[in-house]
N, C-alpha and C. Protein backbone atom coordinates (compact mmCIF):
# COMPACT_ATOMS: atom_id res chain seq x y z
N MET A 1 -50.71 69.39 62.56
CA MET A 1 -51.52 68.96 61.45
C MET A 1 -50.66 68.74 60.21
N LYS A 2 -49.70 69.70 59.94
CA LYS A 2 -48.83 69.56 58.78
C LYS A 2 -47.96 68.32 58.90
N MET A 3 -47.51 68.04 60.12
CA MET A 3 -46.66 66.86 60.33
C MET A 3 -47.46 65.59 60.05
N LYS A 4 -48.72 65.57 60.46
CA LYS A 4 -49.58 64.40 60.24
C LYS A 4 -49.78 64.19 58.74
N LEU A 5 -50.06 65.24 57.99
CA LEU A 5 -50.23 65.13 56.54
C LEU A 5 -48.94 64.68 55.87
N PHE A 6 -47.82 65.22 56.38
CA PHE A 6 -46.52 64.84 55.82
C PHE A 6 -46.28 63.34 56.03
N MET A 7 -46.58 62.81 57.21
CA MET A 7 -46.38 61.39 57.51
C MET A 7 -47.30 60.52 56.65
N ILE A 8 -48.53 60.95 56.46
CA ILE A 8 -49.47 60.20 55.61
C ILE A 8 -48.95 60.17 54.18
N ALA A 9 -48.44 61.30 53.70
CA ALA A 9 -47.89 61.37 52.34
C ALA A 9 -46.70 60.44 52.20
N ILE A 10 -45.82 60.40 53.19
CA ILE A 10 -44.64 59.53 53.15
C ILE A 10 -45.07 58.06 53.15
N ILE A 11 -46.01 57.71 54.00
CA ILE A 11 -46.50 56.32 54.07
C ILE A 11 -47.11 55.92 52.73
N MET A 12 -47.92 56.80 52.15
CA MET A 12 -48.55 56.49 50.86
C MET A 12 -47.50 56.33 49.77
N LEU A 13 -46.47 57.18 49.81
CA LEU A 13 -45.41 57.11 48.81
C LEU A 13 -44.70 55.76 48.88
N PHE A 14 -44.37 55.32 50.11
CA PHE A 14 -43.71 54.02 50.26
C PHE A 14 -44.66 52.88 49.88
N SER A 15 -45.92 53.03 50.18
CA SER A 15 -46.91 52.01 49.80
C SER A 15 -47.00 51.89 48.30
N LEU A 16 -47.06 53.03 47.61
CA LEU A 16 -47.17 53.01 46.16
C LEU A 16 -45.91 52.49 45.50
N ALA A 17 -44.76 52.73 46.11
CA ALA A 17 -43.51 52.23 45.55
C ALA A 17 -43.54 50.72 45.48
N GLY A 18 -44.16 50.07 46.45
CA GLY A 18 -44.28 48.62 46.43
C GLY A 18 -45.28 48.12 45.42
N CYS A 19 -46.14 48.98 44.91
CA CYS A 19 -47.17 48.58 43.95
C CYS A 19 -46.72 48.75 42.51
N GLY A 20 -45.58 49.33 42.31
CA GLY A 20 -45.11 49.57 40.94
C GLY A 20 -44.90 48.28 40.19
N GLY A 21 -45.10 48.31 38.88
CA GLY A 21 -44.93 47.11 38.07
C GLY A 21 -43.46 46.75 37.96
N ASN A 22 -43.18 45.50 38.16
CA ASN A 22 -41.83 45.00 38.00
C ASN A 22 -41.78 44.22 36.70
N ASN A 23 -41.19 44.77 35.69
CA ASN A 23 -41.11 44.11 34.40
C ASN A 23 -40.14 42.95 34.41
N ASP A 24 -39.33 42.85 35.44
CA ASP A 24 -38.37 41.76 35.55
C ASP A 24 -38.93 40.66 36.45
N PHE A 25 -40.22 40.35 36.28
CA PHE A 25 -40.88 39.34 37.10
C PHE A 25 -40.18 38.00 36.97
N THR A 26 -39.85 37.41 38.09
CA THR A 26 -39.32 36.06 38.08
C THR A 26 -40.18 35.22 39.01
N LEU A 27 -40.48 34.05 38.57
CA LEU A 27 -41.28 33.12 39.34
C LEU A 27 -40.46 32.63 40.54
N PRO A 28 -41.06 32.62 41.72
CA PRO A 28 -40.32 32.09 42.86
C PRO A 28 -39.92 30.63 42.61
N THR A 29 -38.80 30.23 43.13
CA THR A 29 -38.34 28.85 42.96
C THR A 29 -39.22 27.92 43.78
N PRO A 30 -39.76 26.87 43.13
CA PRO A 30 -40.58 25.90 43.88
C PRO A 30 -39.76 25.24 44.98
N THR A 31 -40.43 24.86 46.06
CA THR A 31 -39.73 24.23 47.18
C THR A 31 -39.81 22.71 47.11
N ASN A 32 -40.51 22.17 46.11
CA ASN A 32 -40.56 20.71 46.02
C ASN A 32 -40.42 20.26 44.56
N GLU A 33 -40.02 19.02 44.41
CA GLU A 33 -39.73 18.46 43.08
C GLU A 33 -40.99 18.35 42.21
N LEU A 34 -42.13 18.00 42.82
CA LEU A 34 -43.37 17.86 42.05
C LEU A 34 -43.75 19.17 41.38
N THR A 35 -43.68 20.28 42.11
CA THR A 35 -44.01 21.57 41.52
C THR A 35 -43.05 21.91 40.39
N GLN A 36 -41.77 21.61 40.56
CA GLN A 36 -40.80 21.84 39.50
C GLN A 36 -41.17 21.03 38.25
N GLU A 37 -41.57 19.77 38.44
CA GLU A 37 -41.97 18.92 37.32
C GLU A 37 -43.23 19.48 36.63
N GLN A 38 -44.18 19.97 37.43
CA GLN A 38 -45.41 20.52 36.87
C GLN A 38 -45.12 21.77 36.05
N ILE A 39 -44.27 22.63 36.55
CA ILE A 39 -43.91 23.84 35.81
C ILE A 39 -43.22 23.46 34.49
N SER A 40 -42.31 22.51 34.53
CA SER A 40 -41.65 22.04 33.31
C SER A 40 -42.65 21.46 32.33
N TYR A 41 -43.61 20.70 32.84
CA TYR A 41 -44.66 20.11 32.01
C TYR A 41 -45.43 21.21 31.27
N LEU A 42 -45.83 22.24 31.99
CA LEU A 42 -46.58 23.34 31.39
C LEU A 42 -45.72 24.11 30.39
N GLU A 43 -44.47 24.36 30.75
CA GLU A 43 -43.58 25.08 29.84
C GLU A 43 -43.32 24.26 28.57
N ASP A 44 -43.25 22.94 28.70
CA ASP A 44 -43.07 22.08 27.52
C ASP A 44 -44.28 22.15 26.58
N LEU A 45 -45.43 22.54 27.12
CA LEU A 45 -46.63 22.73 26.30
C LEU A 45 -46.68 24.13 25.70
N GLY A 46 -45.64 24.93 25.95
CA GLY A 46 -45.56 26.28 25.40
C GLY A 46 -46.25 27.33 26.24
N LEU A 47 -46.57 27.01 27.49
CA LEU A 47 -47.26 27.94 28.38
C LEU A 47 -46.25 28.64 29.28
N THR A 48 -46.57 29.86 29.65
CA THR A 48 -45.73 30.63 30.58
C THR A 48 -46.43 30.65 31.93
N VAL A 49 -45.79 30.09 32.93
CA VAL A 49 -46.36 30.04 34.27
C VAL A 49 -46.12 31.38 34.96
N LYS A 50 -47.21 31.98 35.43
CA LYS A 50 -47.13 33.27 36.11
C LYS A 50 -47.22 33.12 37.63
N SER A 51 -47.95 32.11 38.10
CA SER A 51 -48.01 31.84 39.53
C SER A 51 -48.48 30.40 39.72
N TYR A 52 -48.27 29.92 40.94
CA TYR A 52 -48.64 28.55 41.23
C TYR A 52 -48.90 28.38 42.71
N GLU A 53 -49.55 27.26 43.04
CA GLU A 53 -49.77 26.87 44.42
C GLU A 53 -49.10 25.51 44.59
N GLU A 54 -48.28 25.37 45.60
CA GLU A 54 -47.58 24.11 45.79
C GLU A 54 -48.43 23.05 46.50
N ASP A 55 -49.48 23.48 47.16
CA ASP A 55 -50.37 22.53 47.82
C ASP A 55 -51.57 22.24 46.92
N PRO A 56 -52.09 21.01 46.99
CA PRO A 56 -53.26 20.69 46.16
C PRO A 56 -54.43 21.62 46.48
N SER A 57 -55.14 22.04 45.44
CA SER A 57 -56.32 22.87 45.67
C SER A 57 -57.56 22.01 45.88
N TYR A 58 -57.51 20.77 45.43
CA TYR A 58 -58.65 19.87 45.56
C TYR A 58 -58.13 18.45 45.48
N THR A 59 -58.62 17.58 46.35
CA THR A 59 -58.26 16.17 46.34
C THR A 59 -59.56 15.37 46.29
N PHE A 60 -59.58 14.35 45.45
CA PHE A 60 -60.80 13.54 45.32
C PHE A 60 -60.44 12.12 44.90
N GLU A 61 -61.41 11.24 45.08
CA GLU A 61 -61.28 9.87 44.59
C GLU A 61 -62.18 9.77 43.37
N LEU A 62 -61.60 9.37 42.25
CA LEU A 62 -62.35 9.30 41.00
C LEU A 62 -63.31 8.13 41.02
N ALA A 63 -64.59 8.42 40.92
CA ALA A 63 -65.63 7.39 40.86
C ALA A 63 -66.00 7.14 39.41
N ARG A 64 -66.24 5.88 39.07
CA ARG A 64 -66.62 5.50 37.70
C ARG A 64 -67.78 6.34 37.20
N GLU A 65 -68.79 6.55 38.03
CA GLU A 65 -69.98 7.29 37.58
C GLU A 65 -69.67 8.74 37.22
N TRP A 66 -68.61 9.31 37.78
CA TRP A 66 -68.24 10.68 37.42
C TRP A 66 -67.90 10.77 35.94
N LEU A 67 -67.35 9.70 35.38
CA LEU A 67 -66.95 9.70 33.97
C LEU A 67 -68.16 9.78 33.04
N ILE A 68 -69.32 9.40 33.55
CA ILE A 68 -70.57 9.44 32.76
C ILE A 68 -71.49 10.56 33.24
N ASP A 69 -71.71 10.65 34.55
CA ASP A 69 -72.72 11.55 35.10
C ASP A 69 -72.25 12.97 35.35
N ASP A 70 -70.96 13.18 35.52
CA ASP A 70 -70.46 14.52 35.79
C ASP A 70 -69.90 15.08 34.48
N VAL A 71 -70.58 16.05 33.93
CA VAL A 71 -70.20 16.58 32.61
C VAL A 71 -68.77 17.09 32.60
N ALA A 72 -68.38 17.87 33.60
CA ALA A 72 -67.04 18.47 33.61
C ALA A 72 -65.96 17.40 33.75
N TRP A 73 -66.05 16.53 34.76
CA TRP A 73 -65.01 15.51 34.94
C TRP A 73 -65.01 14.52 33.78
N GLY A 74 -66.19 14.18 33.26
CA GLY A 74 -66.25 13.32 32.08
C GLY A 74 -65.50 13.94 30.92
N ARG A 75 -65.71 15.23 30.70
CA ARG A 75 -65.02 15.93 29.61
C ARG A 75 -63.51 15.99 29.83
N VAL A 76 -63.10 16.27 31.07
CA VAL A 76 -61.67 16.32 31.37
C VAL A 76 -61.01 15.00 31.00
N PHE A 77 -61.60 13.89 31.42
CA PHE A 77 -60.98 12.59 31.16
C PHE A 77 -61.11 12.18 29.70
N LYS A 78 -62.14 12.62 29.00
CA LYS A 78 -62.21 12.38 27.55
C LYS A 78 -61.05 13.09 26.86
N TYR A 79 -60.83 14.36 27.23
CA TYR A 79 -59.71 15.11 26.64
C TYR A 79 -58.38 14.46 26.97
N LEU A 80 -58.24 14.01 28.22
CA LEU A 80 -56.99 13.37 28.61
C LEU A 80 -56.75 12.10 27.79
N GLU A 81 -57.80 11.35 27.53
CA GLU A 81 -57.63 10.13 26.72
C GLU A 81 -57.23 10.48 25.29
N VAL A 82 -57.98 11.40 24.69
CA VAL A 82 -57.75 11.72 23.28
C VAL A 82 -56.43 12.46 23.06
N PHE A 83 -56.15 13.48 23.85
CA PHE A 83 -54.98 14.31 23.61
C PHE A 83 -53.70 13.82 24.29
N ASP A 84 -53.84 13.06 25.39
CA ASP A 84 -52.66 12.67 26.14
C ASP A 84 -52.50 11.15 26.29
N GLY A 85 -53.47 10.39 25.78
CA GLY A 85 -53.36 8.94 25.88
C GLY A 85 -53.56 8.39 27.29
N VAL A 86 -54.25 9.14 28.14
CA VAL A 86 -54.49 8.71 29.52
C VAL A 86 -55.71 7.79 29.56
N ASP A 87 -55.56 6.64 30.19
CA ASP A 87 -56.67 5.69 30.35
C ASP A 87 -57.34 5.98 31.70
N ALA A 88 -58.53 6.56 31.66
CA ALA A 88 -59.24 6.94 32.88
C ALA A 88 -59.48 5.73 33.78
N ALA A 89 -59.64 4.55 33.20
CA ALA A 89 -59.89 3.34 33.99
C ALA A 89 -58.79 3.08 35.01
N GLU A 90 -57.57 3.50 34.70
CA GLU A 90 -56.45 3.33 35.62
C GLU A 90 -56.60 4.16 36.89
N TYR A 91 -57.45 5.18 36.86
CA TYR A 91 -57.56 6.09 37.99
C TYR A 91 -58.88 5.98 38.75
N ILE A 92 -59.75 5.08 38.32
CA ILE A 92 -61.01 4.88 39.03
C ILE A 92 -60.70 4.34 40.43
N ASP A 93 -61.33 4.93 41.43
CA ASP A 93 -61.14 4.59 42.84
C ASP A 93 -59.76 4.96 43.37
N LYS A 94 -59.03 5.79 42.64
CA LYS A 94 -57.73 6.27 43.11
C LYS A 94 -57.87 7.74 43.52
N THR A 95 -57.00 8.15 44.41
CA THR A 95 -56.99 9.53 44.86
C THR A 95 -56.20 10.37 43.88
N LEU A 96 -56.81 11.48 43.48
CA LEU A 96 -56.17 12.45 42.59
C LEU A 96 -56.08 13.79 43.30
N ASP A 97 -54.97 14.47 43.11
CA ASP A 97 -54.78 15.82 43.62
C ASP A 97 -54.78 16.77 42.44
N THR A 98 -55.36 17.96 42.63
CA THR A 98 -55.32 18.98 41.59
C THR A 98 -54.51 20.17 42.09
N TYR A 99 -53.73 20.74 41.19
CA TYR A 99 -52.88 21.89 41.50
C TYR A 99 -53.20 23.00 40.51
N ARG A 100 -53.28 24.23 41.00
CA ARG A 100 -53.63 25.40 40.17
C ARG A 100 -52.40 26.21 39.79
N PHE A 101 -52.38 26.56 38.52
CA PHE A 101 -51.32 27.42 37.98
C PHE A 101 -51.98 28.51 37.17
N VAL A 102 -51.50 29.72 37.25
CA VAL A 102 -51.93 30.78 36.36
C VAL A 102 -50.92 30.80 35.23
N VAL A 103 -51.43 30.69 33.99
CA VAL A 103 -50.54 30.62 32.83
C VAL A 103 -50.98 31.61 31.75
N GLU A 104 -50.03 31.91 30.90
CA GLU A 104 -50.30 32.69 29.69
C GLU A 104 -49.94 31.81 28.51
N GLY A 105 -50.68 32.01 27.41
CA GLY A 105 -50.38 31.28 26.19
C GLY A 105 -51.36 30.17 25.87
N HIS A 106 -52.38 29.96 26.70
CA HIS A 106 -53.39 28.95 26.40
C HIS A 106 -54.59 29.61 25.73
N SER A 107 -55.16 28.93 24.75
CA SER A 107 -56.26 29.51 23.98
C SER A 107 -57.52 29.77 24.80
N SER A 108 -57.69 29.12 25.94
CA SER A 108 -58.89 29.36 26.76
C SER A 108 -58.93 30.79 27.30
N ALA A 109 -57.79 31.46 27.34
CA ALA A 109 -57.73 32.83 27.88
C ALA A 109 -58.64 33.78 27.12
N GLN A 110 -58.89 33.51 25.85
CA GLN A 110 -59.74 34.40 25.06
C GLN A 110 -61.16 34.51 25.59
N TRP A 111 -61.58 33.57 26.41
CA TRP A 111 -62.95 33.59 26.94
C TRP A 111 -63.01 34.22 28.32
N GLY A 112 -61.88 34.64 28.86
CA GLY A 112 -61.85 35.27 30.17
C GLY A 112 -61.67 36.77 30.07
N ASP A 113 -61.37 37.40 31.19
CA ASP A 113 -61.20 38.85 31.19
C ASP A 113 -59.83 39.28 31.72
N THR A 114 -58.86 38.35 31.73
CA THR A 114 -57.53 38.69 32.22
C THR A 114 -56.41 38.41 31.21
N GLY A 115 -56.72 37.72 30.13
CA GLY A 115 -55.69 37.33 29.19
C GLY A 115 -54.87 36.14 29.68
N GLN A 116 -55.33 35.52 30.75
CA GLN A 116 -54.64 34.37 31.32
C GLN A 116 -55.61 33.20 31.48
N SER A 117 -55.05 32.05 31.78
CA SER A 117 -55.84 30.84 32.03
C SER A 117 -55.42 30.22 33.35
N LEU A 118 -56.33 29.47 33.94
CA LEU A 118 -55.97 28.62 35.06
C LEU A 118 -55.69 27.25 34.47
N ALA A 119 -54.50 26.76 34.68
CA ALA A 119 -54.15 25.41 34.25
C ALA A 119 -54.23 24.53 35.50
N ILE A 120 -54.99 23.47 35.40
CA ILE A 120 -55.16 22.56 36.52
C ILE A 120 -54.43 21.27 36.17
N ILE A 121 -53.47 20.91 37.00
CA ILE A 121 -52.70 19.69 36.81
C ILE A 121 -53.23 18.64 37.77
N LEU A 122 -53.51 17.45 37.25
CA LEU A 122 -53.95 16.33 38.07
C LEU A 122 -52.76 15.41 38.30
N THR A 123 -52.62 14.97 39.55
CA THR A 123 -51.56 14.02 39.88
C THR A 123 -52.16 12.84 40.64
N SER A 124 -51.50 11.71 40.54
CA SER A 124 -51.84 10.53 41.31
C SER A 124 -50.53 9.96 41.83
N ASP A 125 -50.46 9.72 43.11
CA ASP A 125 -49.22 9.24 43.73
C ASP A 125 -48.03 10.12 43.36
N LYS A 126 -48.25 11.42 43.36
CA LYS A 126 -47.19 12.43 43.09
C LYS A 126 -46.64 12.34 41.67
N LYS A 127 -47.42 11.77 40.74
CA LYS A 127 -47.03 11.71 39.34
C LYS A 127 -48.09 12.44 38.50
N ILE A 128 -47.64 13.20 37.52
CA ILE A 128 -48.55 13.97 36.68
C ILE A 128 -49.38 13.03 35.81
N VAL A 129 -50.70 13.21 35.88
CA VAL A 129 -51.63 12.47 35.02
C VAL A 129 -51.88 13.27 33.75
N GLY A 130 -52.09 14.56 33.90
CA GLY A 130 -52.40 15.47 32.80
C GLY A 130 -53.08 16.69 33.38
N GLY A 131 -53.84 17.38 32.55
CA GLY A 131 -54.49 18.56 33.07
C GLY A 131 -55.48 19.16 32.10
N TYR A 132 -56.03 20.28 32.50
CA TYR A 132 -56.98 21.03 31.69
C TYR A 132 -56.84 22.50 32.02
N ALA A 133 -57.48 23.32 31.21
CA ALA A 133 -57.40 24.77 31.43
C ALA A 133 -58.80 25.37 31.38
N ILE A 134 -58.95 26.47 32.07
CA ILE A 134 -60.16 27.28 32.02
C ILE A 134 -59.72 28.74 31.98
N PRO A 135 -60.56 29.63 31.43
CA PRO A 135 -60.19 31.05 31.43
C PRO A 135 -60.06 31.57 32.86
N LYS A 136 -59.11 32.45 33.10
CA LYS A 136 -58.97 33.08 34.42
C LYS A 136 -59.75 34.38 34.40
N MET A 137 -60.55 34.55 35.43
CA MET A 137 -61.38 35.75 35.55
C MET A 137 -60.79 36.67 36.63
N LYS A 138 -61.18 37.95 36.58
CA LYS A 138 -60.65 38.95 37.51
C LYS A 138 -61.11 38.74 38.95
N SER A 139 -62.30 38.19 39.15
CA SER A 139 -62.79 38.02 40.51
C SER A 139 -63.20 36.56 40.74
N GLU A 140 -63.17 36.16 42.00
CA GLU A 140 -63.59 34.80 42.35
C GLU A 140 -65.06 34.59 42.01
N ALA A 141 -65.89 35.63 42.19
CA ALA A 141 -67.32 35.50 41.87
C ALA A 141 -67.49 35.21 40.38
N LYS A 142 -66.76 35.94 39.54
CA LYS A 142 -66.83 35.69 38.09
C LYS A 142 -66.26 34.31 37.76
N GLN A 143 -65.21 33.92 38.48
CA GLN A 143 -64.59 32.62 38.23
C GLN A 143 -65.59 31.50 38.53
N GLU A 144 -66.29 31.63 39.65
CA GLU A 144 -67.27 30.61 40.03
C GLU A 144 -68.48 30.60 39.10
N ALA A 145 -68.83 31.76 38.56
CA ALA A 145 -69.99 31.85 37.68
C ALA A 145 -69.65 31.53 36.23
N LEU A 146 -68.38 31.24 35.97
CA LEU A 146 -67.92 30.97 34.62
C LEU A 146 -68.76 29.87 33.99
N ASN A 147 -69.33 30.19 32.85
CA ASN A 147 -70.16 29.23 32.14
C ASN A 147 -69.33 28.61 31.02
N GLY A 148 -69.14 27.36 31.09
CA GLY A 148 -68.35 26.67 30.08
C GLY A 148 -67.52 25.59 30.74
N GLY A 149 -67.07 24.69 29.93
CA GLY A 149 -66.34 23.56 30.48
C GLY A 149 -64.85 23.71 30.38
N PRO A 150 -64.17 22.67 30.77
CA PRO A 150 -62.72 22.68 30.70
C PRO A 150 -62.23 22.58 29.26
N TYR A 151 -61.04 23.07 29.02
CA TYR A 151 -60.40 22.99 27.71
C TYR A 151 -59.21 22.04 27.81
N PRO A 152 -58.93 21.31 26.74
CA PRO A 152 -57.75 20.45 26.79
C PRO A 152 -56.51 21.28 27.04
N LEU A 153 -55.64 20.78 27.87
CA LEU A 153 -54.39 21.48 28.14
C LEU A 153 -53.40 21.26 27.01
N ASN A 154 -53.47 20.09 26.43
CA ASN A 154 -52.51 19.67 25.41
C ASN A 154 -53.21 19.47 24.07
N GLY A 155 -53.85 20.50 23.58
CA GLY A 155 -54.55 20.39 22.30
C GLY A 155 -55.68 21.39 22.23
N GLU A 156 -56.35 21.40 21.10
CA GLU A 156 -57.47 22.31 20.89
C GLU A 156 -58.75 21.51 20.68
N ILE A 157 -59.85 21.99 21.22
CA ILE A 157 -61.13 21.31 21.08
C ILE A 157 -61.43 21.03 19.62
N GLU A 158 -61.09 21.98 18.74
CA GLU A 158 -61.38 21.83 17.31
C GLU A 158 -60.71 20.59 16.72
N GLY A 159 -59.61 20.15 17.32
CA GLY A 159 -58.89 18.99 16.81
C GLY A 159 -59.32 17.67 17.42
N PHE A 160 -60.35 17.72 18.27
CA PHE A 160 -60.79 16.52 18.99
C PHE A 160 -61.17 15.38 18.05
N GLU A 161 -62.06 15.65 17.10
CA GLU A 161 -62.57 14.58 16.23
C GLU A 161 -61.46 13.97 15.39
N GLU A 162 -60.57 14.80 14.88
CA GLU A 162 -59.46 14.28 14.08
C GLU A 162 -58.54 13.41 14.95
N LYS A 163 -58.23 13.91 16.13
CA LYS A 163 -57.34 13.17 17.04
C LYS A 163 -58.00 11.88 17.52
N ALA A 164 -59.31 11.93 17.80
CA ALA A 164 -60.04 10.75 18.30
C ALA A 164 -60.31 9.74 17.20
N GLY A 165 -60.36 10.21 15.96
CA GLY A 165 -60.67 9.32 14.85
C GLY A 165 -62.16 9.02 14.73
N MET A 166 -62.96 9.85 15.39
CA MET A 166 -64.42 9.69 15.34
C MET A 166 -65.08 11.00 15.75
N SER A 167 -66.37 11.10 15.48
CA SER A 167 -67.12 12.31 15.84
C SER A 167 -67.33 12.37 17.35
N PHE A 168 -67.73 13.56 17.84
CA PHE A 168 -68.03 13.72 19.26
C PHE A 168 -69.10 12.72 19.69
N SER A 169 -70.17 12.61 18.91
CA SER A 169 -71.26 11.71 19.30
C SER A 169 -70.81 10.25 19.30
N GLU A 170 -69.98 9.86 18.35
CA GLU A 170 -69.46 8.50 18.34
C GLU A 170 -68.56 8.27 19.56
N PHE A 171 -67.75 9.27 19.88
CA PHE A 171 -66.88 9.13 21.04
C PHE A 171 -67.70 9.05 22.32
N ASP A 172 -68.77 9.86 22.42
CA ASP A 172 -69.65 9.80 23.60
C ASP A 172 -70.26 8.41 23.75
N GLN A 173 -70.65 7.81 22.65
CA GLN A 173 -71.23 6.46 22.69
C GLN A 173 -70.17 5.44 23.15
N TYR A 174 -68.98 5.54 22.57
CA TYR A 174 -67.87 4.67 22.98
C TYR A 174 -67.61 4.84 24.47
N TRP A 175 -67.59 6.07 24.93
CA TRP A 175 -67.30 6.38 26.33
C TRP A 175 -68.37 5.78 27.25
N ALA A 176 -69.62 5.96 26.88
CA ALA A 176 -70.73 5.45 27.67
C ALA A 176 -70.67 3.92 27.76
N GLU A 177 -70.39 3.28 26.65
CA GLU A 177 -70.28 1.82 26.65
C GLU A 177 -69.12 1.36 27.53
N ARG A 178 -68.07 2.11 27.52
CA ARG A 178 -66.88 1.73 28.29
C ARG A 178 -67.05 1.93 29.79
N TYR A 179 -67.75 2.99 30.21
CA TYR A 179 -67.78 3.32 31.62
C TYR A 179 -69.12 3.16 32.31
N THR A 180 -70.16 2.81 31.60
CA THR A 180 -71.44 2.56 32.25
C THR A 180 -71.40 1.18 32.88
N ASP A 181 -71.82 1.11 34.15
CA ASP A 181 -71.85 -0.20 34.83
C ASP A 181 -72.81 -1.12 34.11
N LYS A 182 -72.36 -2.34 33.95
CA LYS A 182 -73.19 -3.33 33.24
C LYS A 182 -73.74 -4.35 34.17
């Protein structure tokens, strides 16, 4: 019995040793050029990448109606146009891949419970289009239940009207006129 307890204690000790915090955290080296470019892109925005996925988390074909009817994707592309100069029309009917990164230093983190954000990078033909951020939550259930939309990756929502040169409602009208089928 004593030997069994001793073995359990040894196993637990080795298990806990692997759980200790490593203050010298280094990000694993990406195995492909696109991931390296994405990390550099995020770092150039002043964000610290804590983890990443090298495979796309979601792939889709951008439909024109998404820019009007889908609140989240419409908002993402509005932010991309205003803050990054991306013309959403160039990506209609094109395949886009999304990649997830956990980052620190984005203002959306204040609305989560981890102090971090999920930065989502969109690519087309293996080239970065832009991205958006959302608060990172502690659990997947909380992440899925997150109420709120995407945040600009390269700017602050508060600066939208100044950067756009018009109010939100004026921009929404411009957007609707531009992307509603005629």
